[in-house]
């Protein structure tokens, strides 16, 4: 909403010339200084940075979980190999005992 004020000041006396000075003041309402845009841009940058941080954390957690699962699989394979070796050793001892008895 626009507001307009007009002020007129007359100077002089009855013997001298009269002079008039008019001042017009218009108020067209509040004007934006751009601070709102600056705050909005900073907020968007903060949201993007937060999103990237969360996704990086999730990615590193997934990589850690995958490494643990792979290590557990390797331990299982090693245990199977040890079991096979023990079985082969037992069979070898059994065969040696049979051959010694003959």
N, C-alpha and C. Protein backbone atom coordinates (compact mmCIF):
# COMPACT_ATOMS: atom_id res chain seq x y z
N UNK A 1 0.85 -1.16 0.00
CA UNK A 1 0.00 0.00 0.00
C UNK A 1 0.90 1.22 0.00
N UNK A 2 0.55 2.19 -0.83
CA UNK A 2 1.37 3.39 -0.97
C UNK A 2 0.79 4.51 -0.12
N UNK A 3 1.70 5.22 0.49
CA UNK A 3 1.28 6.35 1.31
C UNK A 3 2.01 7.58 0.79
N UNK A 4 1.29 8.67 0.64
CA UNK A 4 1.89 9.89 0.12
C UNK A 4 1.56 11.03 1.05
N UNK A 5 2.59 11.78 1.44
CA UNK A 5 2.39 12.95 2.30
C UNK A 5 2.97 14.18 1.60
N UNK A 6 2.21 15.23 1.62
CA UNK A 6 2.67 16.48 1.00
C UNK A 6 2.72 17.54 2.09
N UNK A 7 3.89 18.19 2.21
CA UNK A 7 4.07 19.23 3.20
C UNK A 7 4.44 20.53 2.48
N UNK A 8 3.74 21.56 2.75
CA UNK A 8 4.03 22.85 2.13
C UNK A 8 4.37 23.85 3.24
N UNK A 9 5.50 24.51 3.07
CA UNK A 9 5.94 25.51 4.05
C UNK A 9 6.05 26.84 3.32
N UNK A 10 5.37 27.83 3.84
CA UNK A 10 5.44 29.16 3.25
C UNK A 10 6.23 30.07 4.17
N UNK A 11 7.12 30.80 3.58
CA UNK A 11 7.93 31.72 4.38
C UNK A 11 7.74 33.14 3.85
N UNK A 12 8.06 34.05 4.64
CA UNK A 12 7.95 35.46 4.26
C UNK A 12 7.02 36.19 5.20
N UNK A 13 7.02 37.47 5.10
CA UNK A 13 6.12 38.27 5.92
C UNK A 13 5.26 39.13 5.01
N UNK A 14 4.48 39.96 5.59
CA UNK A 14 3.56 40.76 4.78
C UNK A 14 4.30 41.76 3.90
N UNK A 15 5.52 42.16 4.27
CA UNK A 15 6.26 43.13 3.48
C UNK A 15 7.11 42.48 2.41
N UNK A 16 7.57 41.23 2.64
CA UNK A 16 8.47 40.56 1.70
C UNK A 16 7.75 39.57 0.83
N UNK A 17 8.49 39.01 -0.12
CA UNK A 17 7.88 38.04 -1.03
C UNK A 17 7.59 36.72 -0.30
N UNK A 18 6.55 36.10 -0.71
CA UNK A 18 6.20 34.79 -0.16
C UNK A 18 6.88 33.71 -1.00
N UNK A 19 7.49 32.77 -0.33
CA UNK A 19 8.08 31.63 -1.02
C UNK A 19 7.46 30.36 -0.43
N UNK A 20 7.31 29.40 -1.29
CA UNK A 20 6.71 28.14 -0.83
C UNK A 20 7.67 27.00 -1.16
N UNK A 21 7.76 26.10 -0.23
CA UNK A 21 8.60 24.91 -0.41
C UNK A 21 7.70 23.70 -0.19
N UNK A 22 7.64 22.80 -1.18
CA UNK A 22 6.77 21.63 -1.08
C UNK A 22 7.64 20.38 -1.05
N UNK A 23 7.34 19.50 -0.10
CA UNK A 23 8.06 18.21 0.02
C UNK A 23 7.03 17.09 -0.15
N UNK A 24 7.33 16.16 -1.05
CA UNK A 24 6.45 15.01 -1.26
C UNK A 24 7.20 13.77 -0.81
N UNK A 25 6.57 13.02 0.08
CA UNK A 25 7.16 11.78 0.59
C UNK A 25 6.25 10.63 0.20
N UNK A 26 6.81 9.66 -0.52
CA UNK A 26 6.05 8.48 -0.92
C UNK A 26 6.65 7.26 -0.24
N UNK A 27 5.78 6.47 0.32
CA UNK A 27 6.19 5.23 0.96
C UNK A 27 5.48 4.09 0.23
N UNK A 28 6.25 3.33 -0.57
CA UNK A 28 5.66 2.24 -1.34
C UNK A 28 5.67 0.93 -0.57
N UNK A 29 5.98 0.93 0.66
CA UNK A 29 5.99 -0.28 1.46
C UNK A 29 7.40 -0.80 1.66
N UNK A 30 7.48 -1.92 2.34
CA UNK A 30 8.81 -2.46 2.65
C UNK A 30 9.52 -2.96 1.41
N UNK A 31 10.81 -2.80 1.41
CA UNK A 31 11.65 -3.27 0.31
C UNK A 31 12.56 -4.36 0.83
N UNK A 32 12.80 -5.35 -0.01
CA UNK A 32 13.64 -6.47 0.39
C UNK A 32 15.10 -6.12 0.18
N UNK A 33 15.92 -6.48 1.15
CA UNK A 33 17.35 -6.20 1.03
C UNK A 33 18.11 -7.39 0.45
N UNK A 34 17.43 -8.50 0.23
CA UNK A 34 18.09 -9.69 -0.30
C UNK A 34 18.55 -10.64 0.78
N UNK A 35 18.34 -10.29 2.03
CA UNK A 35 18.76 -11.16 3.14
C UNK A 35 17.97 -12.46 3.12
N UNK A 36 16.72 -12.43 2.71
CA UNK A 36 15.92 -13.64 2.63
C UNK A 36 16.49 -14.62 1.62
N UNK A 37 16.92 -14.11 0.48
CA UNK A 37 17.55 -14.97 -0.53
C UNK A 37 18.84 -15.57 -0.01
N UNK A 38 19.63 -14.77 0.66
CA UNK A 38 20.90 -15.26 1.20
C UNK A 38 20.67 -16.37 2.22
N UNK A 39 19.71 -16.19 3.11
CA UNK A 39 19.40 -17.22 4.10
C UNK A 39 18.89 -18.48 3.41
N UNK A 40 18.06 -18.32 2.38
CA UNK A 40 17.56 -19.47 1.63
C UNK A 40 18.68 -20.25 0.96
N UNK A 41 19.62 -19.55 0.36
CA UNK A 41 20.74 -20.22 -0.31
C UNK A 41 21.61 -20.95 0.70
N UNK A 42 21.88 -20.32 1.84
CA UNK A 42 22.68 -20.97 2.89
C UNK A 42 21.96 -22.22 3.40
N UNK A 43 20.66 -22.14 3.55
CA UNK A 43 19.88 -23.28 4.01
C UNK A 43 19.93 -24.44 3.02
N UNK A 44 19.82 -24.14 1.73
CA UNK A 44 19.89 -25.19 0.71
C UNK A 44 21.27 -25.83 0.72
N UNK A 45 22.32 -25.04 0.84
CA UNK A 45 23.69 -25.59 0.88
C UNK A 45 23.86 -26.49 2.10
N UNK A 46 23.33 -26.07 3.24
CA UNK A 46 23.43 -26.89 4.45
C UNK A 46 22.68 -28.20 4.29
N UNK A 47 21.51 -28.17 3.66
CA UNK A 47 20.74 -29.40 3.43
C UNK A 47 21.48 -30.36 2.50
N UNK A 48 22.08 -29.83 1.44
CA UNK A 48 22.82 -30.67 0.50
C UNK A 48 24.04 -31.28 1.21
N UNK A 49 24.75 -30.48 1.99
CA UNK A 49 25.92 -31.00 2.73
C UNK A 49 25.51 -32.07 3.72
N UNK A 50 24.41 -31.87 4.41
CA UNK A 50 23.92 -32.88 5.35
C UNK A 50 23.53 -34.16 4.65
N UNK A 51 22.88 -34.05 3.49
CA UNK A 51 22.50 -35.23 2.72
C UNK A 51 23.74 -36.01 2.27
N UNK A 52 24.75 -35.29 1.78
CA UNK A 52 25.98 -35.97 1.35
C UNK A 52 26.68 -36.64 2.52
N UNK A 53 26.69 -36.02 3.66
CA UNK A 53 27.32 -36.60 4.85
C UNK A 53 26.61 -37.89 5.25
N UNK A 54 25.29 -37.87 5.24
CA UNK A 54 24.52 -39.06 5.62
C UNK A 54 24.74 -40.19 4.62
N UNK A 55 24.76 -39.87 3.33
CA UNK A 55 24.95 -40.92 2.34
C UNK A 55 26.36 -41.49 2.41
N UNK A 56 27.36 -40.66 2.69
CA UNK A 56 28.73 -41.16 2.83
C UNK A 56 28.83 -42.08 4.03
N UNK A 57 28.19 -41.72 5.12
CA UNK A 57 28.21 -42.54 6.32
C UNK A 57 27.54 -43.88 6.04
N UNK A 58 26.40 -43.86 5.35
CA UNK A 58 25.70 -45.09 5.01
C UNK A 58 26.55 -45.98 4.10
N UNK A 59 27.24 -45.38 3.16
CA UNK A 59 28.09 -46.13 2.25
C UNK A 59 29.25 -46.78 2.99
N UNK A 60 29.87 -46.07 3.91
CA UNK A 60 30.98 -46.65 4.66
C UNK A 60 30.49 -47.75 5.59
N UNK A 61 29.29 -47.59 6.15
CA UNK A 61 28.72 -48.64 7.00
C UNK A 61 28.46 -49.90 6.17
N UNK A 62 27.94 -49.74 4.97
CA UNK A 62 27.67 -50.88 4.10
C UNK A 62 28.97 -51.58 3.71
N UNK A 63 30.01 -50.80 3.43
CA UNK A 63 31.31 -51.39 3.08
C UNK A 63 31.87 -52.17 4.26
N UNK A 64 31.71 -51.62 5.47
CA UNK A 64 32.19 -52.32 6.66
C UNK A 64 31.42 -53.62 6.87
N UNK A 65 30.11 -53.56 6.70
CA UNK A 65 29.29 -54.77 6.85
C UNK A 65 29.67 -55.83 5.82
N UNK A 66 29.92 -55.41 4.59
CA UNK A 66 30.32 -56.36 3.54
C UNK A 66 31.67 -56.99 3.86
N UNK A 67 32.60 -56.20 4.38
CA UNK A 67 33.93 -56.73 4.73
C UNK A 67 33.80 -57.75 5.87
N UNK A 68 32.95 -57.48 6.83
CA UNK A 68 32.76 -58.43 7.95
C UNK A 68 32.14 -59.73 7.43
N UNK A 69 31.16 -59.63 6.54
CA UNK A 69 30.53 -60.82 5.98
C UNK A 69 31.53 -61.64 5.17
N UNK A 70 32.37 -60.97 4.41
CA UNK A 70 33.38 -61.66 3.62
C UNK A 70 34.40 -62.35 4.53
N UNK A 71 34.80 -61.69 5.59
CA UNK A 71 35.74 -62.29 6.54
C UNK A 71 35.12 -63.51 7.21
N UNK A 72 33.85 -63.43 7.55
CA UNK A 72 33.17 -64.58 8.17
C UNK A 72 33.11 -65.75 7.19
N UNK A 73 32.87 -65.46 5.92
CA UNK A 73 32.87 -66.50 4.89
C UNK A 73 34.24 -67.15 4.76
N UNK A 74 35.29 -66.33 4.82
CA UNK A 74 36.65 -66.86 4.73
C UNK A 74 36.97 -67.74 5.94
N UNK A 75 36.52 -67.36 7.11
CA UNK A 75 36.74 -68.17 8.31
C UNK A 75 36.03 -69.51 8.16
N UNK A 76 34.81 -69.48 7.62
CA UNK A 76 34.07 -70.72 7.39
C UNK A 76 34.79 -71.64 6.41
N UNK A 77 35.34 -71.07 5.34
CA UNK A 77 36.09 -71.86 4.36
C UNK A 77 37.35 -72.45 4.99
N UNK A 78 38.02 -71.67 5.83
CA UNK A 78 39.23 -72.15 6.49
C UNK A 78 38.89 -73.30 7.45
N UNK A 79 37.79 -73.17 8.17
CA UNK A 79 37.38 -74.24 9.09
C UNK A 79 37.07 -75.51 8.31
N UNK A 80 36.46 -75.39 7.17
CA UNK A 80 36.15 -76.56 6.33
C UNK A 80 37.45 -77.22 5.86
N UNK A 81 38.42 -76.40 5.48
CA UNK A 81 39.71 -76.94 5.04
C UNK A 81 40.41 -77.67 6.18
N UNK A 82 40.36 -77.10 7.37
CA UNK A 82 40.98 -77.75 8.54
C UNK A 82 40.27 -79.08 8.82
N UNK A 83 38.95 -79.09 8.72
CA UNK A 83 38.20 -80.32 8.93
C UNK A 83 38.58 -81.39 7.91
N UNK A 84 38.72 -81.02 6.67
CA UNK A 84 39.14 -81.96 5.62
C UNK A 84 40.54 -82.50 5.89
N UNK A 85 41.43 -81.60 6.31
CA UNK A 85 42.81 -82.03 6.61
C UNK A 85 42.82 -83.00 7.78
N UNK A 86 42.01 -82.72 8.80
CA UNK A 86 41.94 -83.62 9.97
C UNK A 86 41.39 -84.98 9.55
N UNK A 87 40.40 -84.99 8.70
CA UNK A 87 39.83 -86.25 8.23
C UNK A 87 40.88 -87.04 7.43
N UNK A 88 41.60 -86.35 6.57
CA UNK A 88 42.65 -87.02 5.78
C UNK A 88 43.74 -87.56 6.69
N UNK A 89 44.10 -86.80 7.72
CA UNK A 89 45.14 -87.27 8.65
C UNK A 89 44.64 -88.48 9.41
N UNK A 90 43.37 -88.47 9.81
CA UNK A 90 42.80 -89.63 10.52
C UNK A 90 42.81 -90.86 9.65
N UNK A 91 42.46 -90.71 8.40
CA UNK A 91 42.48 -91.84 7.47
C UNK A 91 43.90 -92.36 7.26
N UNK A 92 44.85 -91.43 7.20
CA UNK A 92 46.25 -91.84 7.01
C UNK A 92 46.74 -92.63 8.23
N UNK A 93 46.36 -92.18 9.43
CA UNK A 93 46.76 -92.89 10.65
C UNK A 93 46.10 -94.27 10.66
N UNK A 94 44.86 -94.34 10.29
CA UNK A 94 44.14 -95.64 10.24
C UNK A 94 44.79 -96.59 9.26
N UNK A 95 45.14 -96.08 8.09
CA UNK A 95 45.82 -96.91 7.09
C UNK A 95 47.19 -97.37 7.58
N UNK A 96 47.89 -96.49 8.24
CA UNK A 96 49.22 -96.85 8.76
C UNK A 96 49.10 -97.93 9.82
N UNK A 97 48.06 -97.83 10.66
CA UNK A 97 47.85 -98.82 11.70
C UNK A 97 47.49 -100.17 11.08
N UNK A 98 46.71 -100.19 10.04
CA UNK A 98 46.35 -101.45 9.36
C UNK A 98 47.60 -102.08 8.72
N UNK A 99 48.40 -101.26 8.10
CA UNK A 99 49.60 -101.76 7.43
C UNK A 99 50.65 -102.28 8.45
N UNK A 100 50.69 -101.65 9.62
CA UNK A 100 51.64 -102.08 10.63
C UNK A 100 51.19 -103.39 11.24
N UNK A 101 49.91 -103.63 11.28
CA UNK A 101 49.38 -104.86 11.85
C UNK A 101 49.48 -106.02 10.90
N UNK A 102 49.69 -105.86 9.68
CA UNK A 102 49.78 -106.96 8.71
C UNK A 102 51.15 -107.43 8.62
